[in-house]
Amino acid sequence: MSASVIIFYIIAAFILGTGILAVTTRKIFRAAIWLLFSLIGIAGLYFLLEMNFIAAVQIVVYVGGIVVLIIFSIFLTQKSGKEMQKPILVRQLFSAVATVIGFALVWLLISHNSFATNSTSIVDVNVANIGTQLLSTGEHGFILPFELVSILLLAAMIGCIVIAMKTKQEQL
């Protein structure tokens, strides 16, 4: 086994572990911190794949944007130390069944497809080319995903404001 494969398994175990901790912890602030670590691990996978720009976008948008807004909304509601309510048994059972079905579907798709590598085309990866494609409206342009990320950040910010406002209304 090569070093890159070992690093991949370490990062994958880190992502799975922190993801499981994010959804199973009862404290909301700890769940946000575990989500932060999970997203950093995903950025680590991008760095391992030598997709430095995507890794930087992952860190800036999700770690630096979404998770920070989630943490701010937790602090604005003043519920950072409280425990979340225990999930209902039916909801837990449904989640477990959906998880097993999802894993089975992914395993079925992976096992029935062959993923051949194609190394004939070399992609020119430099900042000028990425910037041109990111803001281009042409055939290979990515202006729509660029704008969707800005809408995602706006929606997260509005969600944080709504959560903070609900707390102030409940106190009155």
Protein backbone atom coordinates (compact mmCIF):
# COMPACT_ATOMS: atom_id res chain seq x y z
CA MET A 1 0.00 0.00 0.00
CA SER A 2 1.37 3.39 -0.93
CA ALA A 3 1.52 6.43 1.32
CA SER A 4 -1.24 8.24 -0.58
CA VAL A 5 -3.62 5.31 -0.05
CA ILE A 6 -2.84 5.27 3.67
CA ILE A 7 -3.40 9.04 3.87
CA PHE A 8 -6.69 8.63 1.99
CA TYR A 9 -7.93 6.04 4.49
CA ILE A 10 -6.89 8.22 7.42
CA ILE A 11 -8.72 11.23 5.99
CA ALA A 12 -11.76 9.11 5.11
CA ALA A 13 -11.91 7.66 8.64
CA PHE A 14 -11.57 11.20 10.04
CA ILE A 15 -14.45 12.44 7.87
CA LEU A 16 -16.69 9.49 8.78
CA GLY A 17 -15.87 9.76 12.47
CA THR A 18 -16.51 13.49 12.71
CA GLY A 19 -19.64 13.16 10.55
CA ILE A 20 -21.06 10.49 12.86
CA LEU A 21 -20.19 12.59 15.90
CA ALA A 22 -21.88 15.62 14.28
CA VAL A 23 -25.20 13.84 13.92
CA THR A 24 -25.14 11.85 17.16
CA THR A 25 -24.07 14.45 19.73
CA ARG A 26 -26.81 16.01 21.82
CA LYS A 27 -25.13 19.41 22.24
CA ILE A 28 -25.81 21.74 19.31
CA PHE A 29 -22.52 23.65 19.56
CA ARG A 30 -20.52 20.42 19.54
CA ALA A 31 -22.48 19.27 16.48
CA ALA A 32 -21.45 22.45 14.65
CA ILE A 33 -17.80 21.94 15.62
CA TRP A 34 -17.83 18.31 14.45
CA LEU A 35 -19.39 19.50 11.16
CA LEU A 36 -16.54 22.00 10.86
CA PHE A 37 -13.97 19.22 11.26
CA SER A 38 -15.79 17.01 8.76
CA LEU A 39 -15.77 19.76 6.14
CA ILE A 40 -12.07 20.40 6.77
CA GLY A 41 -11.48 16.68 6.16
CA ILE A 42 -13.29 16.93 2.84
CA ALA A 43 -11.03 19.83 1.91
CA GLY A 44 -8.11 17.55 2.85
CA LEU A 45 -9.36 15.00 0.31
CA TYR A 46 -9.40 17.71 -2.34
CA PHE A 47 -5.83 18.63 -1.43
CA LEU A 48 -4.87 14.95 -1.70
CA LEU A 49 -6.39 14.86 -5.19
CA GLU A 50 -4.32 17.96 -6.04
CA MET A 51 -7.46 20.05 -6.62
CA ASN A 52 -6.14 23.01 -4.66
CA PHE A 53 -8.66 25.54 -5.96
CA ILE A 54 -11.65 23.33 -5.06
CA ALA A 55 -10.12 22.68 -1.63
CA ALA A 56 -9.71 26.42 -1.09
CA VAL A 57 -13.32 27.01 -2.17
CA GLN A 58 -14.42 24.25 0.23
CA ILE A 59 -12.63 25.95 3.10
CA VAL A 60 -13.74 29.49 2.23
CA VAL A 61 -17.40 28.77 1.39
CA TYR A 62 -18.34 25.93 3.71
CA VAL A 63 -15.88 26.12 6.59
CA GLY A 64 -15.46 29.88 6.55
CA GLY A 65 -18.98 30.79 5.49
CA ILE A 66 -21.67 28.28 6.33
CA VAL A 67 -20.25 26.82 9.54
CA VAL A 68 -19.30 30.22 10.92
CA LEU A 69 -22.85 31.44 10.25
CA ILE A 70 -24.24 28.34 11.98
CA ILE A 71 -22.02 28.96 15.01
CA PHE A 72 -23.01 32.64 15.11
CA SER A 73 -26.70 31.68 14.98
CA ILE A 74 -26.17 29.25 17.85
CA PHE A 75 -24.59 31.99 19.93
CA LEU A 76 -27.29 34.50 18.95
CA THR A 77 -30.00 32.17 20.22
CA GLN A 78 -28.14 31.73 23.52
CA LYS A 79 -28.70 27.97 23.36
CA SER A 80 -25.08 26.95 22.88
CA GLY A 81 -24.88 24.92 26.08
CA LYS A 82 -28.30 23.29 25.98
CA GLU A 83 -28.92 19.76 24.83
CA MET A 84 -31.08 19.02 21.83
CA GLN A 85 -34.19 16.94 22.32
CA LYS A 86 -33.90 13.19 21.99
CA PRO A 87 -35.05 11.96 18.57
CA ILE A 88 -38.23 9.90 18.28
CA LEU A 89 -37.74 6.14 17.84
CA VAL A 90 -39.68 6.07 14.55
CA ARG A 91 -37.49 8.84 13.15
CA GLN A 92 -34.34 6.97 14.23
CA LEU A 93 -35.59 3.78 12.60
CA PHE A 94 -36.46 5.60 9.37
CA SER A 95 -33.03 7.25 9.33
CA ALA A 96 -31.29 3.90 9.83
CA VAL A 97 -33.28 2.26 7.02
CA ALA A 98 -32.63 5.21 4.68
CA THR A 99 -28.90 5.02 5.47
CA VAL A 100 -28.75 1.29 4.72
CA ILE A 101 -30.67 1.76 1.46
CA GLY A 102 -28.35 4.64 0.50
CA PHE A 103 -25.22 2.57 1.15
CA ALA A 104 -26.71 -0.36 -0.80
CA LEU A 105 -27.52 1.91 -3.74
CA VAL A 106 -24.03 3.40 -3.80
CA TRP A 107 -22.45 -0.06 -3.57
CA LEU A 108 -24.67 -1.29 -6.42
CA LEU A 109 -23.75 1.66 -8.63
CA ILE A 110 -20.04 1.31 -7.93
CA SER A 111 -19.98 -2.44 -8.48
CA HIS A 112 -21.87 -2.34 -11.79
CA ASN A 113 -19.83 0.45 -13.40
CA SER A 114 -16.28 0.47 -14.57
CA PHE A 115 -14.46 3.71 -14.04
CA ALA A 116 -11.80 3.85 -16.73
CA THR A 117 -9.25 6.61 -16.51
CA ASN A 118 -8.85 8.95 -19.42
CA SER A 119 -5.50 10.70 -19.46
CA THR A 120 -5.64 11.99 -23.03
CA SER A 121 -6.74 15.54 -22.23
CA ILE A 122 -4.60 17.73 -20.05
CA VAL A 123 -6.38 20.51 -18.21
CA ASP A 124 -4.63 23.87 -17.99
CA VAL A 125 -5.02 24.73 -14.31
CA ASN A 126 -3.95 28.29 -13.59
CA VAL A 127 -5.71 31.11 -11.80
CA ALA A 128 -6.39 33.15 -14.96
CA ASN A 129 -8.06 30.17 -16.67
CA ILE A 130 -10.13 29.36 -13.57
CA GLY A 131 -11.22 33.01 -13.22
CA THR A 132 -12.18 33.22 -16.91
CA GLN A 133 -14.22 30.01 -16.75
CA LEU A 134 -15.77 30.91 -13.41
CA LEU A 135 -17.20 34.19 -14.67
CA SER A 136 -17.87 33.15 -18.27
CA THR A 137 -21.40 32.70 -19.61
CA GLY A 138 -20.24 30.64 -22.57
CA GLU A 139 -20.12 26.89 -23.12
CA HIS A 140 -17.52 26.12 -20.47
CA GLY A 141 -18.53 28.90 -18.09
CA PHE A 142 -19.46 28.43 -14.48
CA ILE A 143 -21.32 31.63 -13.70
CA LEU A 144 -24.44 29.73 -12.58
CA PRO A 145 -22.70 27.68 -9.85
CA PHE A 146 -20.82 30.82 -8.81
CA GLU A 147 -24.10 32.65 -8.33
CA LEU A 148 -25.69 29.64 -6.60
CA VAL A 149 -22.91 29.70 -4.00
CA SER A 150 -23.67 33.36 -3.31
CA ILE A 151 -27.38 32.52 -2.94
CA LEU A 152 -26.46 29.66 -0.58
CA LEU A 153 -24.47 32.04 1.63
CA LEU A 154 -27.32 34.57 1.55
CA ALA A 155 -29.83 31.87 2.54
CA ALA A 156 -27.60 30.77 5.43
CA MET A 157 -27.32 34.37 6.62
CA ILE A 158 -31.10 34.88 6.43
CA GLY A 159 -31.61 31.60 8.29
CA CYS A 160 -29.32 32.79 11.07
CA ILE A 161 -31.26 36.04 11.35
CA VAL A 162 -34.60 34.20 11.46
CA ILE A 163 -33.34 31.86 14.20
CA ALA A 164 -32.09 34.82 16.23
CA MET A 165 -35.35 36.73 15.78
CA LYS A 166 -37.47 33.75 16.89
CA THR A 167 -35.57 33.64 20.17
CA LYS A 168 -36.18 37.33 20.86
CA GLN A 169 -39.91 36.94 20.12
CA GLU A 170 -40.15 33.93 22.45
CA GLN A 171 -38.60 35.94 25.29
CA LEU A 172 -41.27 38.67 25.03
